[in-house]
PDB file of N, CA and C in Angstrom:
ATOM      1  N   UNK A   1      -1.898  -1.218  16.898  1.00  0.00           N
ATOM      2  CA  UNK A   1      -1.473  -1.042  15.524  1.00  0.00           C
ATOM      3  C   UNK A   1      -1.810   0.361  15.066  1.00  0.00           C
ATOM      4  N   UNK A   2      -1.067   0.809  14.083  1.00  0.00           N
ATOM      5  CA  UNK A   2      -1.305   2.105  13.460  1.00  0.00           C
ATOM      6  C   UNK A   2      -1.420   1.896  11.952  1.00  0.00           C
ATOM      7  N   UNK A   3      -2.160   2.766  11.290  1.00  0.00           N
ATOM      8  CA  UNK A   3      -2.276   2.725   9.841  1.00  0.00           C
ATOM      9  C   UNK A   3      -1.774   4.065   9.306  1.00  0.00           C
ATOM     10  N   UNK A   4      -0.921   4.001   8.315  1.00  0.00           N
ATOM     11  CA  UNK A   4      -0.360   5.191   7.689  1.00  0.00           C
ATOM     12  C   UNK A   4      -0.897   5.307   6.267  1.00  0.00           C
ATOM     13  N   UNK A   5      -1.247   6.515   5.866  1.00  0.00           N
ATOM     14  CA  UNK A   5      -1.743   6.777   4.516  1.00  0.00           C
ATOM     15  C   UNK A   5      -0.623   7.430   3.706  1.00  0.00           C
ATOM     16  N   UNK A   6      -0.303   6.832   2.577  1.00  0.00           N
ATOM     17  CA  UNK A   6       0.662   7.408   1.645  1.00  0.00           C
ATOM     18  C   UNK A   6      -0.118   8.326   0.701  1.00  0.00           C
ATOM     19  N   UNK A   7      -0.033   9.624   0.932  1.00  0.00           N
ATOM     20  CA  UNK A   7      -0.807  10.598   0.151  1.00  0.00           C
ATOM     21  C   UNK A   7      -0.369  10.641  -1.311  1.00  0.00           C
ATOM     22  N   UNK A   8       0.846  10.200  -1.599  1.00  0.00           N
ATOM     23  CA  UNK A   8       1.295  10.148  -2.990  1.00  0.00           C
ATOM     24  C   UNK A   8       0.590   9.037  -3.762  1.00  0.00           C
ATOM     25  N   UNK A   9       0.120   8.012  -3.057  1.00  0.00           N
ATOM     26  CA  UNK A   9      -0.538   6.880  -3.703  1.00  0.00           C
ATOM     27  C   UNK A   9      -2.063   6.973  -3.633  1.00  0.00           C
ATOM     28  N   UNK A  10      -2.579   7.608  -2.595  1.00  0.00           N
ATOM     29  CA  UNK A  10      -4.027   7.668  -2.373  1.00  0.00           C
ATOM     30  C   UNK A  10      -4.709   8.438  -3.503  1.00  0.00           C
ATOM     31  N   UNK A  11      -5.780   7.849  -4.038  1.00  0.00           N
ATOM     32  CA  UNK A  11      -6.581   8.488  -5.082  1.00  0.00           C
ATOM     33  C   UNK A  11      -7.973   8.876  -4.589  1.00  0.00           C
ATOM     34  N   UNK A  12      -8.235   8.663  -3.316  1.00  0.00           N
ATOM     35  CA  UNK A  12      -9.547   9.017  -2.776  1.00  0.00           C
ATOM     36  C   UNK A  12     -10.656   8.094  -3.216  1.00  0.00           C
ATOM     37  N   UNK A  13     -10.327   6.839  -3.473  1.00  0.00           N
ATOM     38  CA  UNK A  13     -11.344   5.867  -3.882  1.00  0.00           C
ATOM     39  C   UNK A  13     -12.339   5.550  -2.770  1.00  0.00           C
ATOM     40  N   UNK A  14     -11.956   5.801  -1.538  1.00  0.00           N
ATOM     41  CA  UNK A  14     -12.814   5.639  -0.352  1.00  0.00           C
ATOM     42  C   UNK A  14     -13.217   4.199  -0.069  1.00  0.00           C
ATOM     43  N   UNK A  15     -12.476   3.248  -0.577  1.00  0.00           N
ATOM     44  CA  UNK A  15     -12.730   1.842  -0.229  1.00  0.00           C
ATOM     45  C   UNK A  15     -12.597   1.670   1.281  1.00  0.00           C
ATOM     46  N   UNK A  16     -11.578   2.284   1.853  1.00  0.00           N
ATOM     47  CA  UNK A  16     -11.339   2.187   3.297  1.00  0.00           C
ATOM     48  C   UNK A  16     -12.509   2.776   4.084  1.00  0.00           C
ATOM     49  N   UNK A  17     -13.047   3.885   3.613  1.00  0.00           N
ATOM     50  CA  UNK A  17     -14.188   4.517   4.282  1.00  0.00           C
ATOM     51  C   UNK A  17     -15.400   3.585   4.243  1.00  0.00           C
ATOM     52  N   UNK A  18     -15.596   2.925   3.122  1.00  0.00           N
ATOM     53  CA  UNK A  18     -16.700   1.972   3.014  1.00  0.00           C
ATOM     54  C   UNK A  18     -16.543   0.781   3.935  1.00  0.00           C
ATOM     55  N   UNK A  19     -15.308   0.378   4.176  1.00  0.00           N
ATOM     56  CA  UNK A  19     -15.054  -0.760   5.055  1.00  0.00           C
ATOM     57  C   UNK A  19     -15.233  -0.369   6.516  1.00  0.00           C
ATOM     58  N   UNK A  20     -14.732   0.806   6.900  1.00  0.00           N
ATOM     59  CA  UNK A  20     -14.851   1.241   8.300  1.00  0.00           C
ATOM     60  C   UNK A  20     -14.920   2.765   8.387  1.00  0.00           C
ATOM     61  N   UNK A  21     -16.129   3.313   8.253  1.00  0.00           N
ATOM     62  CA  UNK A  21     -16.279   4.770   8.306  1.00  0.00           C
ATOM     63  C   UNK A  21     -15.992   5.377   9.674  1.00  0.00           C
ATOM     64  N   UNK A  22     -15.951   4.562  10.714  1.00  0.00           N
ATOM     65  CA  UNK A  22     -15.574   5.067  12.033  1.00  0.00           C
ATOM     66  C   UNK A  22     -14.060   5.277  12.125  1.00  0.00           C
ATOM     67  N   UNK A  23     -13.307   4.577  11.292  1.00  0.00           N
ATOM     68  CA  UNK A  23     -11.848   4.636  11.345  1.00  0.00           C
ATOM     69  C   UNK A  23     -11.264   5.535  10.262  1.00  0.00           C
ATOM     70  N   UNK A  24     -11.889   5.558   9.092  1.00  0.00           N
ATOM     71  CA  UNK A  24     -11.360   6.320   7.956  1.00  0.00           C
ATOM     72  C   UNK A  24     -12.362   7.359   7.478  1.00  0.00           C
ATOM     73  N   UNK A  25     -11.834   8.450   6.925  1.00  0.00           N
ATOM     74  CA  UNK A  25     -12.644   9.448   6.248  1.00  0.00           C
ATOM     75  C   UNK A  25     -11.780  10.082   5.162  1.00  0.00           C
ATOM     76  N   UNK A  26     -12.419  10.826   4.267  1.00  0.00           N
ATOM     77  CA  UNK A  26     -11.689  11.589   3.259  1.00  0.00           C
ATOM     78  C   UNK A  26     -11.610  13.033   3.725  1.00  0.00           C
ATOM     79  N   UNK A  27     -10.440  13.643   3.538  1.00  0.00           N
ATOM     80  CA  UNK A  27     -10.292  15.043   3.907  1.00  0.00           C
ATOM     81  C   UNK A  27     -10.814  15.940   2.783  1.00  0.00           C
ATOM     82  N   UNK A  28     -10.631  17.231   2.912  1.00  0.00           N
ATOM     83  CA  UNK A  28     -11.150  18.187   1.928  1.00  0.00           C
ATOM     84  C   UNK A  28     -10.507  18.031   0.554  1.00  0.00           C
ATOM     85  N   UNK A  29      -9.347  17.378   0.499  1.00  0.00           N
ATOM     86  CA  UNK A  29      -8.658  17.150  -0.777  1.00  0.00           C
ATOM     87  C   UNK A  29      -8.872  15.735  -1.291  1.00  0.00           C
ATOM     88  N   UNK A  30      -9.802  15.003  -0.667  1.00  0.00           N
ATOM     89  CA  UNK A  30     -10.145  13.629  -1.036  1.00  0.00           C
ATOM     90  C   UNK A  30      -9.021  12.626  -0.817  1.00  0.00           C
ATOM     91  N   UNK A  31      -8.225  12.848   0.217  1.00  0.00           N
ATOM     92  CA  UNK A  31      -7.237  11.868   0.651  1.00  0.00           C
ATOM     93  C   UNK A  31      -7.780  11.151   1.881  1.00  0.00           C
ATOM     94  N   UNK A  32      -7.466   9.874   1.993  1.00  0.00           N
ATOM     95  CA  UNK A  32      -7.888   9.121   3.168  1.00  0.00           C
ATOM     96  C   UNK A  32      -7.166   9.642   4.407  1.00  0.00           C
ATOM     97  N   UNK A  33      -7.889   9.641   5.515  1.00  0.00           N
ATOM     98  CA  UNK A  33      -7.362  10.065   6.804  1.00  0.00           C
ATOM     99  C   UNK A  33      -7.769   9.011   7.823  1.00  0.00           C
ATOM    100  N   UNK A  34      -6.841   8.655   8.699  1.00  0.00           N
ATOM    101  CA  UNK A  34      -7.144   7.748   9.801  1.00  0.00           C
ATOM    102  C   UNK A  34      -7.647   8.607  10.958  1.00  0.00           C
ATOM    103  N   UNK A  35      -8.871   8.365  11.386  1.00  0.00           N
ATOM    104  CA  UNK A  35      -9.501   9.187  12.409  1.00  0.00           C
ATOM    105  C   UNK A  35      -9.101   8.798  13.826  1.00  0.00           C
ATOM    106  N   UNK A  36      -8.691   7.558  14.035  1.00  0.00           N
ATOM    107  CA  UNK A  36      -8.365   7.066  15.372  1.00  0.00           C
ATOM    108  C   UNK A  36      -6.970   6.457  15.329  1.00  0.00           C
ATOM    109  N   UNK A  37      -6.052   7.018  16.124  1.00  0.00           N
ATOM    110  CA  UNK A  37      -4.675   6.530  16.138  1.00  0.00           C
ATOM    111  C   UNK A  37      -4.203   6.431  17.580  1.00  0.00           C
ATOM    112  N   UNK A  38      -3.791   5.259  18.018  1.00  0.00           N
ATOM    113  CA  UNK A  38      -3.712   3.997  17.288  1.00  0.00           C
ATOM    114  C   UNK A  38      -5.091   3.385  17.071  1.00  0.00           C
ATOM    115  N   UNK A  39      -5.134   2.410  16.178  1.00  0.00           N
ATOM    116  CA  UNK A  39      -6.383   1.720  15.843  1.00  0.00           C
ATOM    117  C   UNK A  39      -6.820   0.880  17.037  1.00  0.00           C
ATOM    118  N   UNK A  40      -8.046   1.065  17.514  1.00  0.00           N
ATOM    119  CA  UNK A  40      -8.546   0.240  18.619  1.00  0.00           C
ATOM    120  C   UNK A  40      -8.628  -1.237  18.211  1.00  0.00           C
ATOM    121  N   UNK A  41      -8.466  -2.098  19.174  1.00  0.00           N
ATOM    122  CA  UNK A  41      -8.455  -3.543  18.913  1.00  0.00           C
ATOM    123  C   UNK A  41      -9.703  -4.006  18.174  1.00  0.00           C
ATOM    124  N   UNK A  42     -10.848  -3.420  18.482  1.00  0.00           N
ATOM    125  CA  UNK A  42     -12.089  -3.860  17.831  1.00  0.00           C
ATOM    126  C   UNK A  42     -12.222  -3.365  16.385  1.00  0.00           C
ATOM    127  N   UNK A  43     -11.267  -2.571  15.905  1.00  0.00           N
ATOM    128  CA  UNK A  43     -11.262  -2.107  14.517  1.00  0.00           C
ATOM    129  C   UNK A  43     -10.099  -2.700  13.713  1.00  0.00           C
ATOM    130  N   UNK A  44      -9.243  -3.458  14.371  1.00  0.00           N
ATOM    131  CA  UNK A  44      -8.047  -3.964  13.691  1.00  0.00           C
ATOM    132  C   UNK A  44      -8.366  -4.854  12.499  1.00  0.00           C
ATOM    133  N   UNK A  45      -9.347  -5.713  12.614  1.00  0.00           N
ATOM    134  CA  UNK A  45      -9.685  -6.615  11.508  1.00  0.00           C
ATOM    135  C   UNK A  45     -10.144  -5.821  10.283  1.00  0.00           C
ATOM    136  N   UNK A  46     -10.970  -4.811  10.495  1.00  0.00           N
ATOM    137  CA  UNK A  46     -11.432  -3.980   9.379  1.00  0.00           C
ATOM    138  C   UNK A  46     -10.296  -3.115   8.823  1.00  0.00           C
ATOM    139  N   UNK A  47      -9.387  -2.684   9.689  1.00  0.00           N
ATOM    140  CA  UNK A  47      -8.221  -1.929   9.216  1.00  0.00           C
ATOM    141  C   UNK A  47      -7.362  -2.800   8.311  1.00  0.00           C
ATOM    142  N   UNK A  48      -7.150  -4.038   8.709  1.00  0.00           N
ATOM    143  CA  UNK A  48      -6.383  -4.986   7.885  1.00  0.00           C
ATOM    144  C   UNK A  48      -7.080  -5.219   6.546  1.00  0.00           C
ATOM    145  N   UNK A  49      -8.402  -5.309   6.571  1.00  0.00           N
ATOM    146  CA  UNK A  49      -9.167  -5.490   5.334  1.00  0.00           C
ATOM    147  C   UNK A  49      -8.991  -4.267   4.424  1.00  0.00           C
ATOM    148  N   UNK A  50      -9.059  -3.083   4.995  1.00  0.00           N
ATOM    149  CA  UNK A  50      -8.884  -1.856   4.213  1.00  0.00           C
ATOM    150  C   UNK A  50      -7.491  -1.793   3.592  1.00  0.00           C
ATOM    151  N   UNK A  51      -6.484  -2.183   4.347  1.00  0.00           N
ATOM    152  CA  UNK A  51      -5.113  -2.214   3.826  1.00  0.00           C
ATOM    153  C   UNK A  51      -5.035  -3.176   2.640  1.00  0.00           C
ATOM    154  N   UNK A  52      -5.618  -4.339   2.793  1.00  0.00           N
ATOM    155  CA  UNK A  52      -5.560  -5.361   1.748  1.00  0.00           C
ATOM    156  C   UNK A  52      -6.344  -4.968   0.499  1.00  0.00           C
ATOM    157  N   UNK A  53      -7.435  -4.232   0.673  1.00  0.00           N
ATOM    158  CA  UNK A  53      -8.314  -3.923  -0.457  1.00  0.00           C
ATOM    159  C   UNK A  53      -8.064  -2.561  -1.099  1.00  0.00           C
ATOM    160  N   UNK A  54      -7.158  -1.780  -0.553  1.00  0.00           N
ATOM    161  CA  UNK A  54      -6.868  -0.471  -1.139  1.00  0.00           C
ATOM    162  C   UNK A  54      -6.322  -0.668  -2.555  1.00  0.00           C
ATOM    163  N   UNK A  55      -6.994  -0.115  -3.570  1.00  0.00           N
ATOM    164  CA  UNK A  55      -6.579  -0.367  -4.954  1.00  0.00           C
ATOM    165  C   UNK A  55      -5.224   0.239  -5.319  1.00  0.00           C
ATOM    166  N   UNK A  56      -4.757   1.213  -4.568  1.00  0.00           N
ATOM    167  CA  UNK A  56      -3.474   1.850  -4.851  1.00  0.00           C
ATOM    168  C   UNK A  56      -2.414   1.507  -3.819  1.00  0.00           C
ATOM    169  N   UNK A  57      -2.716   0.571  -2.906  1.00  0.00           N
ATOM    170  CA  UNK A  57      -1.789   0.184  -1.836  1.00  0.00           C
ATOM    171  C   UNK A  57      -1.281   1.410  -1.086  1.00  0.00           C
ATOM    172  N   UNK A  58      -2.207   2.329  -0.789  1.00  0.00           N
ATOM    173  CA  UNK A  58      -1.851   3.576  -0.109  1.00  0.00           C
ATOM    174  C   UNK A  58      -1.866   3.452   1.409  1.00  0.00           C
ATOM    175  N   UNK A  59      -2.368   2.336   1.922  1.00  0.00           N
ATOM    176  CA  UNK A  59      -2.430   2.132   3.362  1.00  0.00           C
ATOM    177  C   UNK A  59      -1.378   1.134   3.795  1.00  0.00           C
ATOM    178  N   UNK A  60      -0.687   1.458   4.872  1.00  0.00           N
ATOM    179  CA  UNK A  60       0.363   0.577   5.406  1.00  0.00           C
ATOM    180  C   UNK A  60       0.154   0.408   6.897  1.00  0.00           C
ATOM    181  N   UNK A  61       0.384  -0.806   7.359  1.00  0.00           N
ATOM    182  CA  UNK A  61       0.338  -1.091   8.798  1.00  0.00           C
ATOM    183  C   UNK A  61       1.652  -0.690   9.432  1.00  0.00           C
ATOM    184  N   UNK A  62       1.554  -0.011  10.554  1.00  0.00           N
ATOM    185  CA  UNK A  62       2.713   0.355  11.359  1.00  0.00           C
ATOM    186  C   UNK A  62       2.459  -0.110  12.777  1.00  0.00           C
ATOM    187  N   UNK A  63       3.390  -0.865  13.326  1.00  0.00           N
ATOM    188  CA  UNK A  63       3.209  -1.368  14.698  1.00  0.00           C
ATOM    189  C   UNK A  63       3.859  -0.464  15.705  1.00  0.00           C
TER     190      UNK A  63
END
C-alpha cells in the first residue's frame, strides 16, 4: 500500500506523526511527508489509523 498526502488539505496537525513517527514526519513547511514508500506491511495498520484520524482528510490510501 501507499499513502498520499494532499498538501492542499494538510494543516500540519501531526496526528499522523503521533500515530507512527517511523512512517510520517513534517517537512520544513509543516506538511506531512510519508517517509517510507511503499508502506511496509508491519506499518499498514497504523497507516490506516492515520488516514482515518486525519482531521483534514489529507491522507489517502493508494494501492
